[in-house]
Amino acid sequence: MNSKPVLTLDDVKRIAAAAEAEALKNQWAVTIAIVDDGGHLLWLQRLDGAAPISSHIAPGKARTAAVGRRESKVYEDMINQGRSAFLSAPTLEGMLEGGVPIVAQGQCVGAVGVSGVKSSEDVQIAKAGIAAL
């Protein structure tokens, strides 16, 4: 039987704290979502001033990155390059830049999705959180 690493609650808290610190340092009002490798929500945090819609978008970005095993930007790029049929892909609802997979020992163990500022800034926050591991 194979085994692989999994996110613990302590891991999730470390990721969330580092992502929050990055957002606050830049005065960015965002929502931060963390999911496991199956896209199941483990953490959702909406910072003061973040738009309500961001609490729906961030988990979608995270799920897309986790189940797709790649940054959600890959899907946005495919759609922008004319592959609009990809919009009908099942279970992928956050096909916007801002979802980043969490990889440990070569395995995707989850993802972070951020929404609320420019997409590149969302990614910056997500990657700052993941770097805390």
C-alpha atoms as a PDB file:
ATOM      1  CA  MET A   1       0.000   0.000   0.000  1.00  0.00           C
ATOM      2  CA  ASN A   2       1.259   3.498  -0.836  1.00  0.00           C
ATOM      3  CA  SER A   3       1.286   6.287   1.669  1.00  0.00           C
ATOM      4  CA  LYS A   4       1.458  10.033   1.265  1.00  0.00           C
ATOM      5  CA  PRO A   5       1.659  13.137   3.423  1.00  0.00           C
ATOM      6  CA  VAL A   6      -1.528  14.888   4.505  1.00  0.00           C
ATOM      7  CA  LEU A   7      -2.245  18.342   5.876  1.00  0.00           C
ATOM      8  CA  THR A   8      -2.718  18.534   9.615  1.00  0.00           C
ATOM      9  CA  LEU A   9      -4.683  21.201  11.423  1.00  0.00           C
ATOM     10  CA  ASP A  10      -1.382  22.710  12.593  1.00  0.00           C
ATOM     11  CA  ASP A  11      -0.215  22.891   8.956  1.00  0.00           C
ATOM     12  CA  VAL A  12      -3.430  24.623   7.945  1.00  0.00           C
ATOM     13  CA  LYS A  13      -3.125  27.129  10.780  1.00  0.00           C
ATOM     14  CA  ARG A  14       0.489  27.930   9.793  1.00  0.00           C
ATOM     15  CA  ILE A  15      -0.482  28.436   6.156  1.00  0.00           C
ATOM     16  CA  ALA A  16      -3.440  30.615   7.119  1.00  0.00           C
ATOM     17  CA  ALA A  17      -1.403  32.750   9.520  1.00  0.00           C
ATOM     18  CA  ALA A  18       1.345  33.371   6.961  1.00  0.00           C
ATOM     19  CA  ALA A  19      -1.173  34.162   4.213  1.00  0.00           C
ATOM     20  CA  GLU A  20      -3.024  36.539   6.530  1.00  0.00           C
ATOM     21  CA  ALA A  21       0.250  38.241   7.490  1.00  0.00           C
ATOM     22  CA  GLU A  22       1.108  38.788   3.806  1.00  0.00           C
ATOM     23  CA  ALA A  23      -2.324  40.246   3.117  1.00  0.00           C
ATOM     24  CA  LEU A  24      -2.248  42.538   6.147  1.00  0.00           C
ATOM     25  CA  LYS A  25       1.312  43.686   5.402  1.00  0.00           C
ATOM     26  CA  ASN A  26       0.060  44.908   2.026  1.00  0.00           C
ATOM     27  CA  GLN A  27      -3.296  46.161   3.358  1.00  0.00           C
ATOM     28  CA  TRP A  28      -5.195  43.765   1.080  1.00  0.00           C
ATOM     29  CA  ALA A  29      -8.724  42.769   2.085  1.00  0.00           C
ATOM     30  CA  VAL A  30      -9.086  39.183   0.884  1.00  0.00           C
ATOM     31  CA  THR A  31     -10.614  35.824   1.630  1.00  0.00           C
ATOM     32  CA  ILE A  32      -8.242  32.903   2.159  1.00  0.00           C
ATOM     33  CA  ALA A  33      -9.400  29.326   1.611  1.00  0.00           C
ATOM     34  CA  ILE A  34      -7.443  26.136   2.248  1.00  0.00           C
ATOM     35  CA  VAL A  35      -8.603  22.726   1.021  1.00  0.00           C
ATOM     36  CA  ASP A  36      -7.298  19.166   1.212  1.00  0.00           C
ATOM     37  CA  ASP A  37      -6.279  17.120  -1.836  1.00  0.00           C
ATOM     38  CA  GLY A  38      -9.913  16.286  -2.608  1.00  0.00           C
ATOM     39  CA  GLY A  39     -10.948  19.926  -2.555  1.00  0.00           C
ATOM     40  CA  HIS A  40     -12.703  19.716   0.820  1.00  0.00           C
ATOM     41  CA  LEU A  41     -12.679  22.998   2.702  1.00  0.00           C
ATOM     42  CA  LEU A  42     -10.425  23.010   5.764  1.00  0.00           C
ATOM     43  CA  TRP A  43     -10.164  26.775   6.364  1.00  0.00           C
ATOM     44  CA  LEU A  44     -12.018  29.890   5.285  1.00  0.00           C
ATOM     45  CA  GLN A  45     -11.048  33.335   6.502  1.00  0.00           C
ATOM     46  CA  ARG A  46     -12.539  36.580   5.208  1.00  0.00           C
ATOM     47  CA  LEU A  47     -10.504  39.574   6.312  1.00  0.00           C
ATOM     48  CA  ASP A  48     -12.224  42.809   7.280  1.00  0.00           C
ATOM     49  CA  GLY A  49     -13.305  44.726   4.212  1.00  0.00           C
ATOM     50  CA  ALA A  50     -13.142  41.783   1.803  1.00  0.00           C
ATOM     51  CA  ALA A  51     -16.021  41.659  -0.671  1.00  0.00           C
ATOM     52  CA  PRO A  52     -18.662  39.045   0.187  1.00  0.00           C
ATOM     53  CA  ILE A  53     -18.275  37.376  -3.235  1.00  0.00           C
ATOM     54  CA  SER A  54     -14.636  36.608  -2.381  1.00  0.00           C
ATOM     55  CA  SER A  55     -15.856  34.050   0.168  1.00  0.00           C
ATOM     56  CA  HIS A  56     -17.296  32.058  -2.745  1.00  0.00           C
ATOM     57  CA  ILE A  57     -14.479  32.626  -5.221  1.00  0.00           C
ATOM     58  CA  ALA A  58     -11.514  31.730  -2.963  1.00  0.00           C
ATOM     59  CA  PRO A  59     -12.727  28.186  -2.143  1.00  0.00           C
ATOM     60  CA  GLY A  60     -13.498  27.619  -5.820  1.00  0.00           C
ATOM     61  CA  LYS A  61      -9.955  28.603  -6.780  1.00  0.00           C
ATOM     62  CA  ALA A  62      -8.537  26.341  -4.064  1.00  0.00           C
ATOM     63  CA  ARG A  63     -10.666  23.348  -5.117  1.00  0.00           C
ATOM     64  CA  THR A  64      -9.697  23.820  -8.748  1.00  0.00           C
ATOM     65  CA  ALA A  65      -5.990  23.893  -7.856  1.00  0.00           C
ATOM     66  CA  ALA A  66      -6.276  20.847  -5.594  1.00  0.00           C
ATOM     67  CA  VAL A  67      -8.242  18.524  -7.846  1.00  0.00           C
ATOM     68  CA  GLY A  68      -6.424  19.717 -10.960  1.00  0.00           C
ATOM     69  CA  ARG A  69      -3.030  19.426  -9.258  1.00  0.00           C
ATOM     70  CA  ARG A  70      -1.929  22.721 -10.830  1.00  0.00           C
ATOM     71  CA  GLU A  71      -2.387  26.440 -10.378  1.00  0.00           C
ATOM     72  CA  SER A  72      -5.870  27.596 -11.301  1.00  0.00           C
ATOM     73  CA  LYS A  73      -4.293  30.108 -13.692  1.00  0.00           C
ATOM     74  CA  VAL A  74      -3.617  27.217 -16.107  1.00  0.00           C
ATOM     75  CA  TYR A  75      -7.369  26.880 -16.686  1.00  0.00           C
ATOM     76  CA  GLU A  76      -7.894  30.630 -17.015  1.00  0.00           C
ATOM     77  CA  ASP A  77      -5.141  30.748 -19.633  1.00  0.00           C
ATOM     78  CA  MET A  78      -6.669  27.840 -21.603  1.00  0.00           C
ATOM     79  CA  ILE A  79     -10.052  29.560 -21.653  1.00  0.00           C
ATOM     80  CA  ASN A  80      -8.534  32.930 -22.601  1.00  0.00           C
ATOM     81  CA  GLN A  81      -6.689  31.245 -25.467  1.00  0.00           C
ATOM     82  CA  GLY A  82      -9.998  30.132 -26.948  1.00  0.00           C
ATOM     83  CA  ARG A  83     -10.725  26.796 -25.334  1.00  0.00           C
ATOM     84  CA  SER A  84     -14.085  28.026 -24.039  1.00  0.00           C
ATOM     85  CA  ALA A  85     -15.480  24.483 -23.919  1.00  0.00           C
ATOM     86  CA  PHE A  86     -13.394  24.076 -20.766  1.00  0.00           C
ATOM     87  CA  LEU A  87     -15.970  26.236 -18.976  1.00  0.00           C
ATOM     88  CA  SER A  88     -18.169  23.119 -18.865  1.00  0.00           C
ATOM     89  CA  ALA A  89     -15.555  20.990 -17.043  1.00  0.00           C
ATOM     90  CA  PRO A  90     -17.200  19.279 -14.059  1.00  0.00           C
ATOM     91  CA  THR A  91     -16.299  20.362 -10.499  1.00  0.00           C
ATOM     92  CA  LEU A  92     -13.958  23.126 -11.680  1.00  0.00           C
ATOM     93  CA  GLU A  93     -15.637  26.348 -10.624  1.00  0.00           C
ATOM     94  CA  GLY A  94     -12.717  28.611  -9.807  1.00  0.00           C
ATOM     95  CA  MET A  95     -10.880  28.765 -13.099  1.00  0.00           C
ATOM     96  CA  LEU A  96      -9.283  32.100 -12.258  1.00  0.00           C
ATOM     97  CA  GLU A  97      -5.738  32.888 -11.186  1.00  0.00           C
ATOM     98  CA  GLY A  98      -5.347  32.703  -7.413  1.00  0.00           C
ATOM     99  CA  GLY A  99      -5.452  28.983  -6.590  1.00  0.00           C
ATOM    100  CA  VAL A 100      -2.110  27.328  -5.785  1.00  0.00           C
ATOM    101  CA  PRO A 101      -1.565  23.629  -5.011  1.00  0.00           C
ATOM    102  CA  ILE A 102       0.302  22.599  -1.872  1.00  0.00           C
ATOM    103  CA  VAL A 103       2.920  19.987  -2.775  1.00  0.00           C
ATOM    104  CA  ALA A 104       4.756  17.891  -0.179  1.00  0.00           C
ATOM    105  CA  GLN A 105       7.162  15.094  -1.058  1.00  0.00           C
ATOM    106  CA  GLY A 106       6.056  15.317  -4.683  1.00  0.00           C
ATOM    107  CA  GLN A 107       2.372  14.857  -3.799  1.00  0.00           C
ATOM    108  CA  CYS A 108      -0.434  17.398  -3.957  1.00  0.00           C
ATOM    109  CA  VAL A 109      -1.853  17.504  -0.430  1.00  0.00           C
ATOM    110  CA  GLY A 110      -4.223  20.435  -0.899  1.00  0.00           C
ATOM    111  CA  ALA A 111      -4.356  23.999  -2.142  1.00  0.00           C
ATOM    112  CA  VAL A 112      -4.768  27.608  -1.120  1.00  0.00           C
ATOM    113  CA  GLY A 113      -7.177  29.923  -2.903  1.00  0.00           C
ATOM    114  CA  VAL A 114      -7.257  33.670  -2.388  1.00  0.00           C
ATOM    115  CA  SER A 115      -9.674  36.255  -3.732  1.00  0.00           C
ATOM    116  CA  GLY A 116     -10.071  39.974  -3.246  1.00  0.00           C
ATOM    117  CA  VAL A 117      -7.251  41.818  -4.980  1.00  0.00           C
ATOM    118  CA  LYS A 118      -5.461  41.531  -8.336  1.00  0.00           C
ATOM    119  CA  SER A 119      -4.996  37.908  -9.336  1.00  0.00           C
ATOM    120  CA  SER A 120      -1.211  38.138  -9.150  1.00  0.00           C
ATOM    121  CA  GLU A 121      -1.556  39.523  -5.611  1.00  0.00           C
ATOM    122  CA  ASP A 122      -3.935  36.696  -4.701  1.00  0.00           C
ATOM    123  CA  VAL A 123      -1.204  34.278  -5.815  1.00  0.00           C
ATOM    124  CA  GLN A 124       1.415  36.185  -3.811  1.00  0.00           C
ATOM    125  CA  ILE A 125      -0.680  35.710  -0.662  1.00  0.00           C
ATOM    126  CA  ALA A 126      -1.305  32.008  -1.377  1.00  0.00           C
ATOM    127  CA  LYS A 127       2.382  31.322  -1.997  1.00  0.00           C
ATOM    128  CA  ALA A 128       3.385  33.206   1.155  1.00  0.00           C
ATOM    129  CA  GLY A 129       1.062  30.922   3.105  1.00  0.00           C
ATOM    130  CA  ILE A 130       2.408  27.763   1.509  1.00  0.00           C
ATOM    131  CA  ALA A 131       5.988  28.893   2.148  1.00  0.00           C
ATOM    132  CA  ALA A 132       5.252  28.673   5.884  1.00  0.00           C
ATOM    133  CA  LEU A 133       5.360  24.894   5.601  1.00  0.00           C
END
